[in-house]
PDB file of all heavy atoms in Angstrom:
ATOM      1  N   ARG A   1       0.811  -1.209   0.000  1.00  0.00           N
ATOM      2  CA  ARG A   1       0.000   0.000   0.000  1.00  0.00           C
ATOM      3  C   ARG A   1       0.848   1.265   0.000  1.00  0.00           C
ATOM      4  O   ARG A   1       0.547   2.201  -0.743  1.00  0.00           O
ATOM      5  CB  ARG A   1      -0.961  -0.006   1.190  1.00  0.00           C
ATOM      6  CG  ARG A   1      -1.896   1.185   1.209  1.00  0.00           C
ATOM      7  CD  ARG A   1      -2.964   1.016   2.263  1.00  0.00           C
ATOM      8  NE  ARG A   1      -3.839  -0.101   1.937  1.00  0.00           N
ATOM      9  CZ  ARG A   1      -4.836  -0.525   2.726  1.00  0.00           C
ATOM     10  NH1 ARG A   1      -5.042   0.058   3.882  1.00  0.00           N
ATOM     11  NH2 ARG A   1      -5.581  -1.530   2.359  1.00  0.00           N
ATOM     12  N   PRO A   2       1.942   1.369   0.820  1.00  0.00           N
ATOM     13  CA  PRO A   2       2.769   2.577   0.767  1.00  0.00           C
ATOM     14  C   PRO A   2       3.324   2.854  -0.620  1.00  0.00           C
ATOM     15  O   PRO A   2       3.445   3.993  -1.043  1.00  0.00           O
ATOM     16  CB  PRO A   2       3.892   2.286   1.777  1.00  0.00           C
ATOM     17  CG  PRO A   2       3.279   1.323   2.730  1.00  0.00           C
ATOM     18  CD  PRO A   2       2.386   0.454   1.902  1.00  0.00           C
ATOM     19  N   ILE A   3       3.681   1.777  -1.363  1.00  0.00           N
ATOM     20  CA  ILE A   3       4.199   1.960  -2.711  1.00  0.00           C
ATOM     21  C   ILE A   3       3.143   2.572  -3.608  1.00  0.00           C
ATOM     22  O   ILE A   3       3.409   3.468  -4.404  1.00  0.00           O
ATOM     23  CB  ILE A   3       4.694   0.616  -3.282  1.00  0.00           C
ATOM     24  CG1 ILE A   3       5.891   0.110  -2.469  1.00  0.00           C
ATOM     25  CG2 ILE A   3       5.066   0.762  -4.753  1.00  0.00           C
ATOM     26  CD1 ILE A   3       6.384  -1.251  -2.890  1.00  0.00           C
ATOM     27  N   LEU A   4       1.891   2.082  -3.435  1.00  0.00           N
ATOM     28  CA  LEU A   4       0.792   2.622  -4.231  1.00  0.00           C
ATOM     29  C   LEU A   4       0.584   4.099  -3.923  1.00  0.00           C
ATOM     30  O   LEU A   4       0.346   4.913  -4.824  1.00  0.00           O
ATOM     31  CB  LEU A   4      -0.489   1.842  -3.961  1.00  0.00           C
ATOM     32  CG  LEU A   4      -0.522   0.410  -4.496  1.00  0.00           C
ATOM     33  CD1 LEU A   4      -1.826  -0.269  -4.079  1.00  0.00           C
ATOM     34  CD2 LEU A   4      -0.404   0.406  -6.021  1.00  0.00           C
ATOM     35  N   PHE A   5       0.669   4.449  -2.628  1.00  0.00           N
ATOM     36  CA  PHE A   5       0.523   5.847  -2.239  1.00  0.00           C
ATOM     37  C   PHE A   5       1.626   6.700  -2.862  1.00  0.00           C
ATOM     38  O   PHE A   5       1.386   7.815  -3.316  1.00  0.00           O
ATOM     39  CB  PHE A   5       0.568   5.992  -0.720  1.00  0.00           C
ATOM     40  CG  PHE A   5      -0.713   5.599  -0.041  1.00  0.00           C
ATOM     41  CD1 PHE A   5      -0.706   5.081   1.242  1.00  0.00           C
ATOM     42  CD2 PHE A   5      -1.930   5.745  -0.691  1.00  0.00           C
ATOM     43  CE1 PHE A   5      -1.884   4.722   1.875  1.00  0.00           C
ATOM     44  CE2 PHE A   5      -3.114   5.400  -0.061  1.00  0.00           C
ATOM     45  CZ  PHE A   5      -3.092   4.874   1.220  1.00  0.00           C
ATOM     46  N   LEU A   6       2.865   6.167  -2.889  1.00  0.00           N
ATOM     47  CA  LEU A   6       3.967   6.902  -3.475  1.00  0.00           C
ATOM     48  C   LEU A   6       3.757   7.121  -4.966  1.00  0.00           C
ATOM     49  O   LEU A   6       4.016   8.193  -5.513  1.00  0.00           O
ATOM     50  CB  LEU A   6       5.292   6.161  -3.239  1.00  0.00           C
ATOM     51  CG  LEU A   6       5.850   6.207  -1.812  1.00  0.00           C
ATOM     52  CD1 LEU A   6       7.045   5.274  -1.688  1.00  0.00           C
ATOM     53  CD2 LEU A   6       6.246   7.636  -1.461  1.00  0.00           C
ATOM     54  N   ILE A   7       3.271   6.075  -5.650  1.00  0.00           N
ATOM     55  CA  ILE A   7       3.004   6.192  -7.083  1.00  0.00           C
ATOM     56  C   ILE A   7       1.917   7.224  -7.337  1.00  0.00           C
ATOM     57  O   ILE A   7       2.040   8.089  -8.205  1.00  0.00           O
ATOM     58  CB  ILE A   7       2.599   4.826  -7.672  1.00  0.00           C
ATOM     59  CG1 ILE A   7       3.793   3.864  -7.606  1.00  0.00           C
ATOM     60  CG2 ILE A   7       2.118   4.980  -9.110  1.00  0.00           C
ATOM     61  CD1 ILE A   7       3.446   2.442  -8.005  1.00  0.00           C
ATOM     62  N   ALA A   8       0.827   7.149  -6.535  1.00  0.00           N
ATOM     63  CA  ALA A   8      -0.269   8.112  -6.700  1.00  0.00           C
ATOM     64  C   ALA A   8       0.224   9.524  -6.441  1.00  0.00           C
ATOM     65  O   ALA A   8      -0.134  10.463  -7.154  1.00  0.00           O
ATOM     66  CB  ALA A   8      -1.412   7.757  -5.749  1.00  0.00           C
ATOM     67  N   GLY A   9       1.061   9.693  -5.406  1.00  0.00           N
ATOM     68  CA  GLY A   9       1.582  11.012  -5.105  1.00  0.00           C
ATOM     69  C   GLY A   9       2.468  11.547  -6.214  1.00  0.00           C
ATOM     70  O   GLY A   9       2.449  12.737  -6.531  1.00  0.00           O
ATOM     71  N   ALA A  10       3.247  10.652  -6.831  1.00  0.00           N
ATOM     72  CA  ALA A  10       4.114  11.072  -7.934  1.00  0.00           C
ATOM     73  C   ALA A  10       3.291  11.563  -9.109  1.00  0.00           C
ATOM     74  O   ALA A  10       3.608  12.574  -9.734  1.00  0.00           O
ATOM     75  CB  ALA A  10       5.013   9.907  -8.363  1.00  0.00           C
ATOM     76  N   TYR A  11       2.194  10.825  -9.421  1.00  0.00           N
ATOM     77  CA  TYR A  11       1.320  11.253 -10.511  1.00  0.00           C
ATOM     78  C   TYR A  11       0.673  12.600 -10.196  1.00  0.00           C
ATOM     79  O   TYR A  11       0.553  13.472 -11.054  1.00  0.00           O
ATOM     80  CB  TYR A  11       0.245  10.205 -10.778  1.00  0.00           C
ATOM     81  CG  TYR A  11       0.704   9.088 -11.679  1.00  0.00           C
ATOM     82  CD1 TYR A  11       0.765   7.782 -11.211  1.00  0.00           C
ATOM     83  CD2 TYR A  11       1.081   9.344 -13.000  1.00  0.00           C
ATOM     84  CE1 TYR A  11       1.197   6.750 -12.032  1.00  0.00           C
ATOM     85  CE2 TYR A  11       1.507   8.319 -13.825  1.00  0.00           C
ATOM     86  CZ  TYR A  11       1.564   7.015 -13.343  1.00  0.00           C
ATOM     87  OH  TYR A  11       1.985   6.008 -14.152  1.00  0.00           O
ATOM     88  N   ALA A  12       0.247  12.790  -8.939  1.00  0.00           N
ATOM     89  CA  ALA A  12      -0.382  14.053  -8.555  1.00  0.00           C
ATOM     90  C   ALA A  12       0.613  15.199  -8.667  1.00  0.00           C
ATOM     91  O   ALA A  12       0.289  16.282  -9.167  1.00  0.00           O
ATOM     92  CB  ALA A  12      -0.917  13.962  -7.121  1.00  0.00           C
ATOM     93  N   LEU A  13       1.845  14.988  -8.227  1.00  0.00           N
ATOM     94  CA  LEU A  13       2.868  16.017  -8.311  1.00  0.00           C
ATOM     95  C   LEU A  13       3.171  16.350  -9.763  1.00  0.00           C
ATOM     96  O   LEU A  13       3.319  17.508 -10.137  1.00  0.00           O
ATOM     97  CB  LEU A  13       4.144  15.552  -7.593  1.00  0.00           C
ATOM     98  CG  LEU A  13       5.343  16.523  -7.644  1.00  0.00           C
ATOM     99  CD1 LEU A  13       4.958  17.842  -7.000  1.00  0.00           C
ATOM    100  CD2 LEU A  13       6.539  15.907  -6.953  1.00  0.00           C
ATOM    101  N   ALA A  14       3.249  15.312 -10.617  1.00  0.00           N
ATOM    102  CA  ALA A  14       3.515  15.544 -12.038  1.00  0.00           C
ATOM    103  C   ALA A  14       2.416  16.385 -12.660  1.00  0.00           C
ATOM    104  O   ALA A  14       2.679  17.262 -13.487  1.00  0.00           O
ATOM    105  CB  ALA A  14       3.635  14.214 -12.772  1.00  0.00           C
ATOM    106  N   ALA A  15       1.168  16.133 -12.242  1.00  0.00           N
ATOM    107  CA  ALA A  15       0.046  16.906 -12.781  1.00  0.00           C
ATOM    108  C   ALA A  15       0.158  18.370 -12.380  1.00  0.00           C
ATOM    109  O   ALA A  15      -0.099  19.275 -13.179  1.00  0.00           O
ATOM    110  CB  ALA A  15      -1.276  16.324 -12.282  1.00  0.00           C
ATOM    111  N   VAL A  16       0.559  18.626 -11.129  1.00  0.00           N
ATOM    112  CA  VAL A  16       0.714  19.999 -10.664  1.00  0.00           C
ATOM    113  C   VAL A  16       1.824  20.699 -11.435  1.00  0.00           C
ATOM    114  O   VAL A  16       1.700  21.848 -11.858  1.00  0.00           O
ATOM    115  CB  VAL A  16       1.016  20.022  -9.147  1.00  0.00           C
ATOM    116  CG1 VAL A  16       1.413  21.420  -8.707  1.00  0.00           C
ATOM    117  CG2 VAL A  16      -0.196  19.533  -8.370  1.00  0.00           C
ATOM    118  N   VAL A  17       2.956  19.989 -11.642  1.00  0.00           N
ATOM    119  CA  VAL A  17       4.077  20.581 -12.368  1.00  0.00           C
ATOM    120  C   VAL A  17       3.659  20.927 -13.787  1.00  0.00           C
ATOM    121  O   VAL A  17       3.952  21.997 -14.305  1.00  0.00           O
ATOM    122  CB  VAL A  17       5.285  19.622 -12.363  1.00  0.00           C
ATOM    123  CG1 VAL A  17       6.364  20.118 -13.315  1.00  0.00           C
ATOM    124  CG2 VAL A  17       5.836  19.480 -10.953  1.00  0.00           C
ATOM    125  N   ARG A  18       2.925  19.991 -14.457  1.00  0.00           N
ATOM    126  CA  ARG A  18       2.481  20.265 -15.819  1.00  0.00           C
ATOM    127  C   ARG A  18       1.578  21.484 -15.865  1.00  0.00           C
ATOM    128  O   ARG A  18       1.659  22.304 -16.765  1.00  0.00           O
ATOM    129  CB  ARG A  18       1.743  19.047 -16.382  1.00  0.00           C
ATOM    130  CG  ARG A  18       2.667  17.917 -16.826  1.00  0.00           C
ATOM    131  CD  ARG A  18       1.918  16.974 -17.741  1.00  0.00           C
ATOM    132  NE  ARG A  18       0.735  16.417 -17.096  1.00  0.00           N
ATOM    133  CZ  ARG A  18       0.714  15.323 -16.359  1.00  0.00           C
ATOM    134  NH1 ARG A  18       1.844  14.664 -16.142  1.00  0.00           N
ATOM    135  NH2 ARG A  18      -0.399  14.880 -15.815  1.00  0.00           N
ATOM    136  N   ALA A  19       0.697  21.603 -14.853  1.00  0.00           N
ATOM    137  CA  ALA A  19      -0.233  22.732 -14.835  1.00  0.00           C
ATOM    138  C   ALA A  19       0.503  24.045 -14.654  1.00  0.00           C
ATOM    139  O   ALA A  19       0.056  25.077 -15.121  1.00  0.00           O
ATOM    140  CB  ALA A  19      -1.269  22.541 -13.727  1.00  0.00           C
ATOM    141  N   ALA A  20       1.668  23.998 -13.932  1.00  0.00           N
ATOM    142  CA  ALA A  20       2.388  25.228 -13.641  1.00  0.00           C
ATOM    143  C   ALA A  20       3.395  25.586 -14.725  1.00  0.00           C
ATOM    144  O   ALA A  20       3.935  26.675 -14.723  1.00  0.00           O
ATOM    145  CB  ALA A  20       3.105  25.098 -12.299  1.00  0.00           C
ATOM    146  N   GLU A  21       3.666  24.672 -15.641  1.00  0.00           N
ATOM    147  CA  GLU A  21       4.628  24.944 -16.698  1.00  0.00           C
ATOM    148  C   GLU A  21       4.078  26.019 -17.633  1.00  0.00           C
ATOM    149  O   GLU A  21       2.970  25.895 -18.145  1.00  0.00           O
ATOM    150  CB  GLU A  21       4.931  23.668 -17.475  1.00  0.00           C
ATOM    151  CG  GLU A  21       5.758  22.651 -16.706  1.00  0.00           C
ATOM    152  CD  GLU A  21       5.969  21.378 -17.499  1.00  0.00           C
ATOM    153  OE1 GLU A  21       5.332  21.258 -18.577  1.00  0.00           O
ATOM    154  OE2 GLU A  21       6.737  20.521 -17.053  1.00  0.00           O
ATOM    155  N   PRO A  22       4.839  27.085 -17.868  1.00  0.00           N
ATOM    156  CA  PRO A  22       4.355  28.138 -18.759  1.00  0.00           C
ATOM    157  C   PRO A  22       4.143  27.622 -20.175  1.00  0.00           C
ATOM    158  O   PRO A  22       4.909  26.786 -20.668  1.00  0.00           O
ATOM    159  CB  PRO A  22       5.482  29.177 -18.711  1.00  0.00           C
ATOM    160  CG  PRO A  22       6.244  28.878 -17.458  1.00  0.00           C
ATOM    161  CD  PRO A  22       6.145  27.401 -17.281  1.00  0.00           C
ATOM    162  N   GLN A  23       3.100  28.115 -20.796  1.00  0.00           N
ATOM    163  CA  GLN A  23       2.830  27.801 -22.198  1.00  0.00           C
ATOM    164  C   GLN A  23       3.030  29.069 -23.010  1.00  0.00           C
ATOM    165  O   GLN A  23       2.621  30.151 -22.591  1.00  0.00           O
ATOM    166  CB  GLN A  23       1.412  27.277 -22.362  1.00  0.00           C
ATOM    167  CG  GLN A  23       1.183  25.973 -21.616  1.00  0.00           C
ATOM    168  CD  GLN A  23      -0.251  25.502 -21.770  1.00  0.00           C
ATOM    169  OE1 GLN A  23      -0.656  25.012 -22.811  1.00  0.00           O
ATOM    170  NE2 GLN A  23      -1.038  25.674 -20.719  1.00  0.00           N
ATOM    171  N   ARG A  24       3.653  28.922 -24.162  1.00  0.00           N
ATOM    172  CA  ARG A  24       3.992  30.079 -24.989  1.00  0.00           C
ATOM    173  C   ARG A  24       3.284  29.992 -26.336  1.00  0.00           C
ATOM    174  O   ARG A  24       3.257  28.926 -26.964  1.00  0.00           O
ATOM    175  CB  ARG A  24       5.500  30.165 -25.199  1.00  0.00           C
ATOM    176  CG  ARG A  24       5.969  31.416 -25.946  1.00  0.00           C
ATOM    177  CD  ARG A  24       7.479  31.431 -26.046  1.00  0.00           C
ATOM    178  NE  ARG A  24       7.984  32.672 -26.641  1.00  0.00           N
ATOM    179  CZ  ARG A  24       8.130  32.880 -27.943  1.00  0.00           C
ATOM    180  NH1 ARG A  24       7.815  31.903 -28.805  1.00  0.00           N
ATOM    181  NH2 ARG A  24       8.590  34.019 -28.398  1.00  0.00           N
ATOM    182  N   PHE A  25       2.711  31.107 -26.751  1.00  0.00           N
ATOM    183  CA  PHE A  25       2.075  31.208 -28.054  1.00  0.00           C
ATOM    184  C   PHE A  25       2.660  32.430 -28.762  1.00  0.00           C
ATOM    185  O   PHE A  25       2.840  33.479 -28.142  1.00  0.00           O
ATOM    186  CB  PHE A  25       0.555  31.371 -27.915  1.00  0.00           C
ATOM    187  CG  PHE A  25      -0.075  30.341 -27.022  1.00  0.00           C
ATOM    188  CD1 PHE A  25      -0.497  30.674 -25.738  1.00  0.00           C
ATOM    189  CD2 PHE A  25      -0.235  29.033 -27.447  1.00  0.00           C
ATOM    190  CE1 PHE A  25      -1.068  29.728 -24.909  1.00  0.00           C
ATOM    191  CE2 PHE A  25      -0.809  28.074 -26.623  1.00  0.00           C
ATOM    192  CZ  PHE A  25      -1.228  28.422 -25.356  1.00  0.00           C
ATOM    193  N   ALA A  26       2.932  32.300 -30.047  1.00  0.00           N
ATOM    194  CA  ALA A  26       3.536  33.407 -30.771  1.00  0.00           C
ATOM    195  C   ALA A  26       3.010  33.463 -32.201  1.00  0.00           C
ATOM    196  O   ALA A  26       2.774  32.431 -32.832  1.00  0.00           O
ATOM    197  CB  ALA A  26       5.057  33.273 -30.781  1.00  0.00           C
TER     198      ALA A  26
END
């Protein structure tokens, strides 16, 4: 179960990072 929690947390963190990554349009 702790491994599953770690995996879920990693996915959640990745989602936050993607959301915060600047997007550029030109």
